[in-house]
Every structure is written in C-alpha cells, then in structure tokens.
Amino acid sequence: MPTEADNKRQAARDVIDILEDISKILNTNLNRTELSLCVSLIENGVNPDALAAVIKDLRKETATMNRS
C-alpha cells in the first residue's frame, strides 16, 4: 500500500507531466528539470512574471553570446 509520501511524489510527477505537455504545446523549450525548478521557485514566493522575464533575458544573452 502506498504511503502518503509516495502519493505526494506521484502527484508531483503528475503535475510535472501536465506542465510538460503544456510546455510542449506552447513551445517554451523548458525541459522537465527546468519546469520543476520553476514550480519550486514559484511555490517559494518568486513572482512568476519576474521569473519569465529572467528566463527570456537569459535566453537573449545566450543567443547573443553564441552569435559572437
């Protein structure tokens, strides 16, 4: 019989599965690990809009550096 901890882990996996599907539909290019980190940051109080802005900025910087 699954324990409460097992049930919580499975629920977390289910959430990430759904987020991964949404991420693919929206073409965010975020993998499961990155999605998990984003969820964790948001759950710990990070503003989602600010997080999205940082991700966009980092991608722009990476693209700029790769062109050089």
N, C-alpha and C. Protein backbone atom coordinates (compact mmCIF):
# COMPACT_ATOMS: atom_id res chain seq x y z
N MET A 1 0.84 -1.19 0.00
CA MET A 1 0.00 0.00 0.00
C MET A 1 0.89 1.25 0.00
N PRO A 2 0.61 2.18 -0.91
CA PRO A 2 1.43 3.39 -0.99
C PRO A 2 1.30 4.26 0.26
N THR A 3 2.42 4.84 0.64
CA THR A 3 2.41 5.73 1.79
C THR A 3 1.98 7.13 1.34
N GLU A 4 1.78 8.01 2.30
CA GLU A 4 1.40 9.39 1.98
C GLU A 4 2.51 10.07 1.18
N ALA A 5 3.75 9.78 1.54
CA ALA A 5 4.89 10.36 0.82
C ALA A 5 4.90 9.88 -0.64
N ASP A 6 4.60 8.60 -0.85
CA ASP A 6 4.53 8.06 -2.21
C ASP A 6 3.44 8.76 -3.01
N ASN A 7 2.30 8.97 -2.36
CA ASN A 7 1.19 9.65 -3.04
C ASN A 7 1.56 11.08 -3.42
N LYS A 8 2.28 11.77 -2.53
CA LYS A 8 2.70 13.14 -2.82
C LYS A 8 3.69 13.18 -3.98
N ARG A 9 4.63 12.22 -3.99
CA ARG A 9 5.60 12.16 -5.08
C ARG A 9 4.90 11.91 -6.41
N GLN A 10 3.93 10.99 -6.40
CA GLN A 10 3.20 10.69 -7.63
C GLN A 10 2.39 11.89 -8.09
N ALA A 11 1.78 12.60 -7.16
CA ALA A 11 1.03 13.81 -7.51
C ALA A 11 1.95 14.86 -8.13
N ALA A 12 3.15 15.00 -7.57
CA ALA A 12 4.12 15.96 -8.12
C ALA A 12 4.53 15.55 -9.53
N ARG A 13 4.74 14.25 -9.75
CA ARG A 13 5.08 13.77 -11.10
C ARG A 13 3.95 14.05 -12.08
N ASP A 14 2.72 13.83 -11.62
CA ASP A 14 1.56 14.09 -12.48
C ASP A 14 1.48 15.56 -12.87
N VAL A 15 1.75 16.44 -11.92
CA VAL A 15 1.73 17.88 -12.21
C VAL A 15 2.80 18.22 -13.24
N ILE A 16 3.99 17.69 -13.05
CA ILE A 16 5.08 17.98 -14.00
C ILE A 16 4.76 17.39 -15.37
N ASP A 17 4.12 16.22 -15.42
CA ASP A 17 3.71 15.64 -16.71
C ASP A 17 2.77 16.60 -17.45
N ILE A 18 1.80 17.13 -16.72
CA ILE A 18 0.84 18.06 -17.33
C ILE A 18 1.55 19.34 -17.77
N LEU A 19 2.41 19.87 -16.90
CA LEU A 19 3.15 21.08 -17.26
C LEU A 19 4.06 20.85 -18.46
N GLU A 20 4.64 19.66 -18.55
CA GLU A 20 5.49 19.35 -19.70
C GLU A 20 4.67 19.34 -20.99
N ASP A 21 3.47 18.77 -20.93
CA ASP A 21 2.59 18.77 -22.10
C ASP A 21 2.23 20.20 -22.51
N ILE A 22 1.87 21.03 -21.53
CA ILE A 22 1.55 22.43 -21.82
C ILE A 22 2.77 23.15 -22.38
N SER A 23 3.93 22.87 -21.81
CA SER A 23 5.17 23.49 -22.25
C SER A 23 5.46 23.16 -23.71
N LYS A 24 5.22 21.91 -24.09
CA LYS A 24 5.45 21.50 -25.48
C LYS A 24 4.47 22.19 -26.42
N ILE A 25 3.19 22.28 -26.00
CA ILE A 25 2.19 22.94 -26.83
C ILE A 25 2.55 24.40 -27.04
N LEU A 26 3.04 25.05 -25.98
CA LEU A 26 3.39 26.47 -26.05
C LEU A 26 4.80 26.71 -26.59
N ASN A 27 5.52 25.60 -26.85
CA ASN A 27 6.88 25.68 -27.41
C ASN A 27 7.80 26.53 -26.53
N THR A 28 7.82 26.25 -25.22
CA THR A 28 8.65 27.02 -24.29
C THR A 28 10.10 26.57 -24.27
N ASN A 29 10.35 25.37 -24.75
CA ASN A 29 11.69 24.78 -24.73
C ASN A 29 12.22 24.59 -23.32
N LEU A 30 11.32 24.39 -22.35
CA LEU A 30 11.73 24.07 -20.98
C LEU A 30 11.61 22.56 -20.79
N ASN A 31 12.67 21.95 -20.26
CA ASN A 31 12.61 20.51 -20.01
C ASN A 31 12.00 20.25 -18.63
N ARG A 32 11.85 18.98 -18.28
CA ARG A 32 11.21 18.61 -17.01
C ARG A 32 11.94 19.19 -15.81
N THR A 33 13.25 19.15 -15.85
CA THR A 33 14.04 19.68 -14.74
C THR A 33 13.82 21.18 -14.59
N GLU A 34 13.86 21.88 -15.71
CA GLU A 34 13.65 23.33 -15.67
C GLU A 34 12.24 23.67 -15.20
N LEU A 35 11.26 22.91 -15.66
CA LEU A 35 9.88 23.13 -15.20
C LEU A 35 9.77 22.89 -13.70
N SER A 36 10.40 21.83 -13.22
CA SER A 36 10.37 21.53 -11.78
C SER A 36 11.00 22.65 -10.98
N LEU A 37 12.11 23.17 -11.47
CA LEU A 37 12.77 24.29 -10.78
C LEU A 37 11.88 25.54 -10.77
N CYS A 38 11.23 25.81 -11.89
CA CYS A 38 10.33 26.96 -11.95
C CYS A 38 9.18 26.81 -10.97
N VAL A 39 8.59 25.62 -10.91
CA VAL A 39 7.49 25.37 -9.97
C VAL A 39 7.98 25.57 -8.54
N SER A 40 9.14 25.04 -8.24
CA SER A 40 9.70 25.17 -6.89
C SER A 40 9.93 26.64 -6.53
N LEU A 41 10.49 27.39 -7.46
CA LEU A 41 10.74 28.81 -7.21
C LEU A 41 9.43 29.56 -6.97
N ILE A 42 8.43 29.28 -7.79
CA ILE A 42 7.14 29.95 -7.64
C ILE A 42 6.47 29.56 -6.32
N GLU A 43 6.55 28.27 -5.96
CA GLU A 43 5.99 27.82 -4.69
C GLU A 43 6.68 28.48 -3.50
N ASN A 44 7.93 28.90 -3.70
CA ASN A 44 8.68 29.54 -2.62
C ASN A 44 8.62 31.06 -2.69
N GLY A 45 7.70 31.59 -3.49
CA GLY A 45 7.44 33.02 -3.45
C GLY A 45 7.97 33.87 -4.58
N VAL A 46 8.66 33.26 -5.54
CA VAL A 46 9.17 34.05 -6.66
C VAL A 46 7.99 34.47 -7.54
N ASN A 47 8.02 35.71 -7.97
CA ASN A 47 6.97 36.23 -8.84
C ASN A 47 7.07 35.54 -10.21
N PRO A 48 5.99 34.90 -10.68
CA PRO A 48 6.04 34.19 -11.96
C PRO A 48 6.39 35.09 -13.15
N ASP A 49 5.88 36.32 -13.14
CA ASP A 49 6.19 37.24 -14.24
C ASP A 49 7.67 37.61 -14.24
N ALA A 50 8.21 37.82 -13.05
CA ALA A 50 9.64 38.14 -12.94
C ALA A 50 10.49 36.95 -13.38
N LEU A 51 10.07 35.75 -13.01
CA LEU A 51 10.80 34.54 -13.42
C LEU A 51 10.79 34.40 -14.94
N ALA A 52 9.63 34.62 -15.55
CA ALA A 52 9.54 34.54 -17.01
C ALA A 52 10.45 35.57 -17.67
N ALA A 53 10.49 36.77 -17.10
CA ALA A 53 11.35 37.83 -17.66
C ALA A 53 12.82 37.44 -17.56
N VAL A 54 13.22 36.85 -16.45
CA VAL A 54 14.61 36.42 -16.27
C VAL A 54 14.96 35.33 -17.28
N ILE A 55 14.06 34.38 -17.46
CA ILE A 55 14.31 33.30 -18.43
C ILE A 55 14.47 33.88 -19.83
N LYS A 56 13.60 34.81 -20.21
CA LYS A 56 13.71 35.44 -21.53
C LYS A 56 15.03 36.18 -21.68
N ASP A 57 15.42 36.93 -20.64
CA ASP A 57 16.68 37.67 -20.68
C ASP A 57 17.88 36.73 -20.81
N LEU A 58 17.85 35.64 -20.06
CA LEU A 58 18.96 34.68 -20.14
C LEU A 58 19.04 34.05 -21.52
N ARG A 59 17.91 33.77 -22.12
CA ARG A 59 17.92 33.20 -23.47
C ARG A 59 18.47 34.21 -24.49
N LYS A 60 18.10 35.47 -24.34
CA LYS A 60 18.63 36.51 -25.24
C LYS A 60 20.14 36.63 -25.09
N GLU A 61 20.62 36.64 -23.85
CA GLU A 61 22.06 36.73 -23.60
C GLU A 61 22.79 35.53 -24.18
N THR A 62 22.22 34.35 -24.00
CA THR A 62 22.84 33.14 -24.54
C THR A 62 22.90 33.20 -26.06
N ALA A 63 21.82 33.65 -26.68
CA ALA A 63 21.80 33.76 -28.14
C ALA A 63 22.84 34.77 -28.62
N THR A 64 22.97 35.87 -27.91
CA THR A 64 23.95 36.89 -28.27
C THR A 64 25.37 36.34 -28.14
N MET A 65 25.63 35.63 -27.07
CA MET A 65 26.97 35.06 -26.86
C MET A 65 27.28 34.00 -27.90
N ASN A 66 26.29 33.23 -28.30
CA ASN A 66 26.51 32.18 -29.29
C ASN A 66 26.78 32.75 -30.68
N ARG A 67 26.26 33.94 -30.94
CA ARG A 67 26.50 34.59 -32.24
C ARG A 67 27.90 35.18 -32.33
N SER A 68 28.50 35.47 -31.20
CA SER A 68 29.83 36.11 -31.18
C SER A 68 30.93 35.13 -31.48
